[in-house]
N, C-alpha and C. Protein backbone atom coordinates (compact mmCIF):
# COMPACT_ATOMS: atom_id res chain seq x y z
N MET A 1 -17.99 -45.00 -18.87
CA MET A 1 -17.41 -44.66 -17.59
C MET A 1 -16.28 -45.64 -17.29
N THR A 2 -15.21 -45.15 -16.77
CA THR A 2 -14.07 -45.98 -16.42
C THR A 2 -14.13 -46.30 -14.93
N SER A 3 -13.90 -47.57 -14.63
CA SER A 3 -13.85 -47.95 -13.21
C SER A 3 -12.56 -48.71 -12.96
N PHE A 4 -12.03 -48.54 -11.77
CA PHE A 4 -10.80 -49.19 -11.37
C PHE A 4 -11.16 -50.23 -10.32
N VAL A 5 -11.25 -51.48 -10.76
CA VAL A 5 -11.81 -52.53 -9.93
C VAL A 5 -10.72 -53.28 -9.16
N THR A 6 -9.70 -53.70 -9.84
CA THR A 6 -8.68 -54.51 -9.19
C THR A 6 -7.71 -53.63 -8.41
N PRO A 7 -7.04 -54.21 -7.42
CA PRO A 7 -6.05 -53.42 -6.67
C PRO A 7 -4.93 -52.88 -7.55
N ASP A 8 -4.55 -53.60 -8.61
CA ASP A 8 -3.52 -53.11 -9.53
C ASP A 8 -3.98 -51.85 -10.24
N GLU A 9 -5.23 -51.85 -10.68
CA GLU A 9 -5.77 -50.67 -11.35
C GLU A 9 -5.89 -49.49 -10.39
N GLN A 10 -6.29 -49.77 -9.17
CA GLN A 10 -6.42 -48.71 -8.17
C GLN A 10 -5.06 -48.11 -7.83
N ASN A 11 -4.04 -48.96 -7.69
CA ASN A 11 -2.70 -48.46 -7.41
C ASN A 11 -2.15 -47.66 -8.58
N TYR A 12 -2.48 -48.08 -9.80
CA TYR A 12 -2.01 -47.35 -10.97
C TYR A 12 -2.62 -45.95 -10.99
N TYR A 13 -3.91 -45.86 -10.75
CA TYR A 13 -4.57 -44.55 -10.72
C TYR A 13 -4.02 -43.69 -9.58
N ARG A 14 -3.83 -44.30 -8.43
CA ARG A 14 -3.29 -43.58 -7.28
C ARG A 14 -1.90 -43.01 -7.59
N ALA A 15 -1.06 -43.83 -8.24
CA ALA A 15 0.29 -43.38 -8.58
C ALA A 15 0.25 -42.24 -9.60
N ALA A 16 -0.64 -42.32 -10.58
CA ALA A 16 -0.74 -41.26 -11.58
C ALA A 16 -1.22 -39.95 -10.95
N ALA A 17 -2.21 -40.03 -10.07
CA ALA A 17 -2.71 -38.83 -9.40
C ALA A 17 -1.65 -38.26 -8.46
N LEU A 18 -0.92 -39.14 -7.80
CA LEU A 18 0.12 -38.71 -6.88
C LEU A 18 1.27 -38.03 -7.62
N LYS A 19 1.63 -38.55 -8.77
CA LYS A 19 2.69 -37.93 -9.58
C LYS A 19 2.28 -36.52 -9.99
N ALA A 20 1.03 -36.36 -10.42
CA ALA A 20 0.55 -35.03 -10.81
C ALA A 20 0.51 -34.09 -9.60
N GLY A 21 0.10 -34.62 -8.45
CA GLY A 21 0.06 -33.80 -7.23
C GLY A 21 1.45 -33.38 -6.78
N LEU A 22 2.42 -34.27 -6.91
CA LEU A 22 3.80 -33.92 -6.54
C LEU A 22 4.35 -32.82 -7.44
N LYS A 23 3.98 -32.87 -8.71
CA LYS A 23 4.42 -31.81 -9.62
C LYS A 23 3.83 -30.47 -9.20
N LEU A 24 2.57 -30.48 -8.78
CA LEU A 24 1.95 -29.24 -8.30
C LEU A 24 2.62 -28.75 -7.03
N LEU A 25 2.88 -29.67 -6.11
CA LEU A 25 3.54 -29.29 -4.85
C LEU A 25 4.93 -28.72 -5.11
N LYS A 26 5.61 -29.28 -6.08
CA LYS A 26 6.94 -28.79 -6.43
C LYS A 26 6.87 -27.34 -6.92
N ALA A 27 5.78 -27.01 -7.63
CA ALA A 27 5.59 -25.66 -8.14
C ALA A 27 5.04 -24.71 -7.08
N GLY A 28 4.70 -25.25 -5.90
CA GLY A 28 4.20 -24.40 -4.82
C GLY A 28 2.69 -24.34 -4.73
N ILE A 29 2.00 -25.22 -5.44
CA ILE A 29 0.54 -25.24 -5.43
C ILE A 29 0.07 -26.46 -4.63
N LYS A 30 -0.81 -26.25 -3.65
CA LYS A 30 -1.36 -27.36 -2.89
C LYS A 30 -2.65 -27.82 -3.57
N PRO A 31 -2.71 -29.07 -4.03
CA PRO A 31 -3.92 -29.58 -4.69
C PRO A 31 -5.11 -29.67 -3.73
N ASN A 32 -4.81 -29.82 -2.45
CA ASN A 32 -5.84 -30.03 -1.44
C ASN A 32 -5.27 -29.60 -0.10
N ARG A 33 -6.11 -29.35 0.85
CA ARG A 33 -5.65 -28.94 2.17
C ARG A 33 -4.77 -30.00 2.84
N LYS A 34 -5.10 -31.26 2.63
CA LYS A 34 -4.34 -32.34 3.28
C LYS A 34 -3.08 -32.74 2.51
N TRP A 35 -2.90 -32.21 1.31
CA TRP A 35 -1.73 -32.56 0.51
C TRP A 35 -0.55 -31.71 0.96
N THR A 36 0.29 -32.29 1.77
CA THR A 36 1.55 -31.65 2.12
C THR A 36 2.66 -32.44 1.44
N LYS A 37 3.83 -31.86 1.34
CA LYS A 37 4.95 -32.59 0.74
C LYS A 37 5.23 -33.86 1.52
N THR A 38 5.18 -33.77 2.85
CA THR A 38 5.47 -34.94 3.68
C THR A 38 4.48 -36.06 3.43
N ASN A 39 3.18 -35.73 3.42
CA ASN A 39 2.15 -36.75 3.19
C ASN A 39 2.25 -37.35 1.79
N ALA A 40 2.48 -36.50 0.80
CA ALA A 40 2.57 -36.99 -0.58
C ALA A 40 3.80 -37.87 -0.77
N LEU A 41 4.92 -37.48 -0.19
CA LEU A 41 6.12 -38.29 -0.32
C LEU A 41 6.00 -39.62 0.43
N ALA A 42 5.29 -39.61 1.55
CA ALA A 42 5.05 -40.87 2.27
C ALA A 42 4.18 -41.80 1.43
N ALA A 43 3.16 -41.25 0.77
CA ALA A 43 2.31 -42.07 -0.10
C ALA A 43 3.09 -42.60 -1.30
N ALA A 44 3.97 -41.78 -1.85
CA ALA A 44 4.81 -42.23 -2.96
C ALA A 44 5.73 -43.36 -2.51
N GLY A 45 6.23 -43.28 -1.29
CA GLY A 45 7.08 -44.33 -0.75
C GLY A 45 6.35 -45.65 -0.57
N GLU A 46 5.03 -45.57 -0.25
CA GLU A 46 4.24 -46.79 -0.12
C GLU A 46 4.11 -47.51 -1.47
N ILE A 47 4.08 -46.74 -2.54
CA ILE A 47 3.92 -47.33 -3.87
C ILE A 47 5.26 -47.82 -4.43
N THR A 48 6.29 -46.97 -4.37
CA THR A 48 7.55 -47.31 -5.03
C THR A 48 8.51 -48.11 -4.16
N LYS A 49 8.29 -48.12 -2.86
CA LYS A 49 9.13 -48.87 -1.91
C LYS A 49 10.63 -48.55 -2.07
N PRO A 50 11.02 -47.29 -1.83
CA PRO A 50 12.44 -46.93 -1.97
C PRO A 50 13.26 -47.52 -0.82
N PRO A 51 14.59 -47.58 -0.96
CA PRO A 51 15.43 -48.14 0.10
C PRO A 51 15.38 -47.30 1.39
N ARG A 52 15.15 -46.01 1.27
CA ARG A 52 14.96 -45.17 2.45
C ARG A 52 13.81 -44.22 2.16
N ALA A 53 13.20 -43.69 3.20
CA ALA A 53 12.04 -42.82 3.03
C ALA A 53 12.43 -41.54 2.29
N TYR A 54 11.51 -41.04 1.49
CA TYR A 54 11.74 -39.78 0.79
C TYR A 54 11.74 -38.63 1.79
N ARG A 55 12.62 -37.67 1.56
CA ARG A 55 12.63 -36.43 2.34
C ARG A 55 12.08 -35.32 1.45
N LYS A 56 11.84 -34.15 2.02
CA LYS A 56 11.25 -33.06 1.25
C LYS A 56 12.10 -32.66 0.05
N VAL A 57 13.40 -32.82 0.16
CA VAL A 57 14.29 -32.46 -0.95
C VAL A 57 14.29 -33.52 -2.05
N ASP A 58 13.68 -34.66 -1.80
CA ASP A 58 13.66 -35.78 -2.76
C ASP A 58 12.43 -35.75 -3.66
N ILE A 59 11.78 -34.62 -3.81
CA ILE A 59 10.54 -34.58 -4.57
C ILE A 59 10.77 -34.95 -6.05
N ASP A 60 11.90 -34.51 -6.63
CA ASP A 60 12.21 -34.88 -8.01
C ASP A 60 12.46 -36.38 -8.15
N LEU A 61 13.13 -36.95 -7.17
CA LEU A 61 13.38 -38.40 -7.17
C LEU A 61 12.08 -39.17 -7.06
N ALA A 62 11.17 -38.71 -6.22
CA ALA A 62 9.88 -39.39 -6.07
C ALA A 62 9.08 -39.32 -7.36
N ILE A 63 9.09 -38.17 -8.03
CA ILE A 63 8.38 -38.04 -9.31
C ILE A 63 8.99 -38.99 -10.35
N ALA A 64 10.31 -39.06 -10.39
CA ALA A 64 10.98 -39.95 -11.35
C ALA A 64 10.69 -41.42 -11.02
N ASP A 65 10.70 -41.77 -9.74
CA ASP A 65 10.40 -43.15 -9.34
C ASP A 65 8.96 -43.53 -9.68
N LEU A 66 8.01 -42.61 -9.46
CA LEU A 66 6.63 -42.88 -9.81
C LEU A 66 6.47 -43.02 -11.32
N ASP A 67 7.16 -42.19 -12.08
CA ASP A 67 7.11 -42.29 -13.54
C ASP A 67 7.64 -43.64 -14.01
N HIS A 68 8.75 -44.08 -13.43
CA HIS A 68 9.32 -45.38 -13.78
C HIS A 68 8.36 -46.50 -13.39
N TRP A 69 7.75 -46.41 -12.22
CA TRP A 69 6.80 -47.41 -11.74
C TRP A 69 5.60 -47.49 -12.68
N LEU A 70 5.09 -46.32 -13.10
CA LEU A 70 3.95 -46.31 -14.01
C LEU A 70 4.29 -46.90 -15.37
N LYS A 71 5.48 -46.60 -15.88
CA LYS A 71 5.89 -47.15 -17.17
C LYS A 71 6.07 -48.65 -17.11
N GLN A 72 6.57 -49.16 -15.99
CA GLN A 72 6.69 -50.61 -15.82
C GLN A 72 5.32 -51.26 -15.86
N ARG A 73 4.34 -50.65 -15.21
CA ARG A 73 2.99 -51.22 -15.17
C ARG A 73 2.32 -51.14 -16.53
N GLN A 74 2.63 -50.10 -17.31
CA GLN A 74 2.06 -50.02 -18.66
C GLN A 74 2.60 -51.11 -19.56
N ALA A 75 3.86 -51.47 -19.36
CA ALA A 75 4.50 -52.49 -20.20
C ALA A 75 4.00 -53.88 -19.87
N SER A 76 3.63 -54.12 -18.61
CA SER A 76 3.18 -55.46 -18.23
C SER A 76 1.68 -55.59 -18.48
N PRO A 77 1.28 -56.68 -19.06
CA PRO A 77 -0.15 -56.86 -19.34
C PRO A 77 -0.93 -57.12 -18.05
N VAL A 78 -1.99 -56.37 -17.89
CA VAL A 78 -2.87 -56.55 -16.74
C VAL A 78 -4.25 -56.86 -17.28
N ILE A 79 -4.89 -57.86 -16.70
CA ILE A 79 -6.23 -58.23 -17.15
C ILE A 79 -7.21 -57.26 -16.50
N GLY A 80 -7.92 -56.54 -17.32
CA GLY A 80 -8.91 -55.60 -16.83
C GLY A 80 -10.30 -56.17 -16.98
N VAL A 81 -11.27 -55.45 -16.52
CA VAL A 81 -12.66 -55.89 -16.60
C VAL A 81 -13.08 -56.06 -18.06
N GLN A 82 -12.62 -55.17 -18.93
CA GLN A 82 -13.01 -55.25 -20.33
C GLN A 82 -12.45 -56.50 -21.01
N ASP A 83 -11.45 -57.13 -20.43
CA ASP A 83 -10.84 -58.32 -21.03
C ASP A 83 -11.50 -59.62 -20.60
N LEU A 84 -12.37 -59.55 -19.62
CA LEU A 84 -13.03 -60.76 -19.12
C LEU A 84 -14.09 -61.23 -20.12
N PRO A 85 -14.31 -62.54 -20.21
CA PRO A 85 -15.30 -63.03 -21.15
C PRO A 85 -16.71 -62.65 -20.72
N VAL A 86 -17.57 -62.43 -21.69
CA VAL A 86 -18.95 -62.08 -21.41
C VAL A 86 -19.75 -63.36 -21.27
N VAL A 87 -20.49 -63.46 -20.18
CA VAL A 87 -21.32 -64.64 -19.93
C VAL A 87 -22.78 -64.24 -20.13
N ASN A 88 -23.43 -64.87 -21.07
CA ASN A 88 -24.85 -64.60 -21.32
C ASN A 88 -25.67 -65.65 -20.60
N GLY A 89 -26.70 -65.16 -19.96
CA GLY A 89 -27.56 -66.16 -19.36
C GLY A 89 -27.97 -65.80 -18.05
C-alpha cells in the first residue's frame, strides 16, 4: 500500500490528481459534483503560484504549469518513508 505522509508527497499527489481532473474538465466531464473549472483552477493556483489567478480560459496554461511543477518535483530528490533507516528494537 502506498501512503503519502509528508506534505511534499501530499502536494505531489494533489497536483497529479488535479492535473487529471483539469484534463477531464477541459473535455467537458465533471469528475465530481464539486469540481468546477473555477474551483479546480483556484486549487491549481495554490500549488503553482502563478503571477495572476487562472481564469476559465487558462485551463491549458494551468495543465502545463502543473505538468512543469510535477516534473520539477520528480527531478528533485525527496526523502520518503521507504528511505528512512529501519530501527530494530
